[in-house]
Amino acid sequence: MFRIPVLTDVTFALHPGCRVALVGANGSGKSTLLNFMAGELPPMSGTLAGRSLRVCKFDQHFFHTLPPDLTPLEYLGRSGSPVALLRKVLGATGLEGAAHTHSGLVH
């Protein structure tokens, strides 16, 4: 395991409802930072302070595990959540209404 600091002397704030994208070269520590913020990794030093922080990650390899014959709404619907809530979640990602009901299959 590498013990190279990803960040040093950094302070930042995330406000409710904000979205953040981490962009950087492979191996630069993006996933490590998110895993730390999600409480999945302990810090080498320093602390993570704040109220309830919910970190949502979309793994770059997750796409390949999605069933191509299901629409986004069908896939999320397997959770049993109400359709209105699922549409709100999909809309918050920038996916417009018509895309909620189209599968990844190319016809």
Protein backbone atom coordinates (compact mmCIF):
# COMPACT_ATOMS: atom_id res chain seq x y z
CA MET A 1 0.00 0.00 0.00
CA PHE A 2 1.30 3.43 -0.93
CA ARG A 3 1.61 6.03 1.81
CA ILE A 4 1.93 9.13 -0.36
CA PRO A 5 -0.23 12.09 0.74
CA VAL A 6 -2.91 12.96 -1.78
CA LEU A 7 -3.56 16.42 -0.31
CA THR A 8 -1.85 18.51 2.34
CA ASP A 9 -3.11 21.59 4.19
CA VAL A 10 -6.49 21.61 2.44
CA THR A 11 -9.73 23.04 3.74
CA PHE A 12 -12.95 23.12 1.76
CA ALA A 13 -16.69 23.10 2.33
CA LEU A 14 -19.44 21.19 0.59
CA HIS A 15 -22.92 22.56 0.96
CA PRO A 16 -26.18 20.57 0.93
CA GLY A 17 -27.29 19.72 -2.58
CA CYS A 18 -24.00 20.59 -4.25
CA ARG A 19 -22.33 18.31 -6.76
CA VAL A 20 -18.62 18.00 -7.16
CA ALA A 21 -16.63 16.35 -9.93
CA LEU A 22 -13.09 15.21 -9.29
CA VAL A 23 -10.94 15.23 -12.39
CA GLY A 24 -7.35 14.10 -12.61
CA ALA A 25 -4.90 11.63 -14.04
CA ASN A 26 -5.15 7.93 -13.24
CA GLY A 27 -3.56 7.20 -9.89
CA SER A 28 -3.71 10.79 -8.67
CA GLY A 29 -5.91 9.97 -5.66
CA LYS A 30 -9.46 10.84 -6.74
CA SER A 31 -10.97 7.56 -5.53
CA THR A 32 -8.87 7.65 -2.38
CA LEU A 33 -10.22 11.09 -1.52
CA LEU A 34 -13.82 10.01 -2.13
CA ASN A 35 -13.32 6.84 -0.09
CA PHE A 36 -11.93 8.96 2.76
CA MET A 37 -14.86 11.36 2.57
CA ALA A 38 -17.28 8.41 2.57
CA GLY A 39 -15.64 7.07 5.73
CA GLU A 40 -14.35 3.97 3.94
CA LEU A 41 -10.68 4.83 4.51
CA PRO A 42 -9.00 6.37 7.55
CA PRO A 43 -6.95 9.54 7.00
CA MET A 44 -3.18 9.36 7.13
CA SER A 45 -3.48 12.54 9.16
CA GLY A 46 -6.05 15.26 9.66
CA THR A 47 -9.78 14.93 10.07
CA LEU A 48 -13.04 15.03 8.21
CA ALA A 49 -15.38 17.34 10.07
CA GLY A 50 -18.95 18.16 9.39
CA ARG A 51 -22.50 17.15 9.71
CA SER A 52 -23.97 14.22 7.88
CA LEU A 53 -22.13 13.95 4.58
CA ARG A 54 -23.47 11.61 1.93
CA VAL A 55 -20.95 10.69 -0.70
CA CYS A 56 -22.25 9.06 -3.87
CA LYS A 57 -19.73 7.52 -6.20
CA PHE A 58 -20.18 6.23 -9.72
CA ASP A 59 -17.44 3.73 -10.39
CA GLN A 60 -16.05 4.00 -13.89
CA HIS A 61 -16.42 0.23 -14.36
CA PHE A 62 -20.04 0.09 -13.10
CA PHE A 63 -21.39 0.83 -16.58
CA HIS A 64 -20.23 -2.57 -17.80
CA THR A 65 -22.33 -4.35 -15.15
CA LEU A 66 -25.61 -2.65 -16.07
CA PRO A 67 -28.11 -4.88 -17.90
CA PRO A 68 -28.46 -3.30 -21.37
CA ASP A 69 -32.05 -4.50 -21.77
CA LEU A 70 -33.34 -2.44 -18.79
CA THR A 71 -34.20 1.24 -18.93
CA PRO A 72 -32.78 3.48 -16.19
CA LEU A 73 -36.25 3.60 -14.61
CA GLU A 74 -36.61 -0.20 -14.69
CA TYR A 75 -33.14 -0.70 -13.23
CA LEU A 76 -33.70 1.70 -10.35
CA GLY A 77 -37.26 0.43 -9.93
CA ARG A 78 -35.89 -2.88 -8.66
CA SER A 79 -35.27 -1.05 -5.38
CA GLY A 80 -39.01 -0.77 -4.80
CA SER A 81 -38.87 3.02 -4.53
CA PRO A 82 -41.82 5.07 -5.86
CA VAL A 83 -41.57 5.96 -9.56
CA ALA A 84 -41.92 9.69 -8.80
CA LEU A 85 -38.85 9.54 -6.54
CA LEU A 86 -36.88 7.58 -9.13
CA ARG A 87 -37.73 10.13 -11.83
CA LYS A 88 -36.60 12.91 -9.48
CA VAL A 89 -33.27 11.12 -8.91
CA LEU A 90 -32.77 10.55 -12.64
CA GLY A 91 -33.68 14.16 -13.39
CA ALA A 92 -31.17 15.39 -10.80
CA THR A 93 -28.42 13.63 -12.75
CA GLY A 94 -29.32 15.58 -15.87
CA LEU A 95 -31.04 12.65 -17.54
CA GLU A 96 -34.16 14.06 -19.18
CA GLY A 97 -37.58 12.43 -19.02
CA ALA A 98 -37.53 10.60 -22.36
CA ALA A 99 -34.20 8.96 -21.48
CA HIS A 100 -35.71 7.42 -18.33
CA THR A 101 -37.57 4.86 -20.44
CA HIS A 102 -35.05 3.98 -23.15
CA SER A 103 -32.73 1.00 -22.69
CA GLY A 104 -29.06 0.95 -23.55
CA LEU A 105 -29.71 -1.44 -26.40
CA VAL A 106 -29.06 -0.17 -29.89
CA HIS A 107 -32.01 -0.99 -32.15
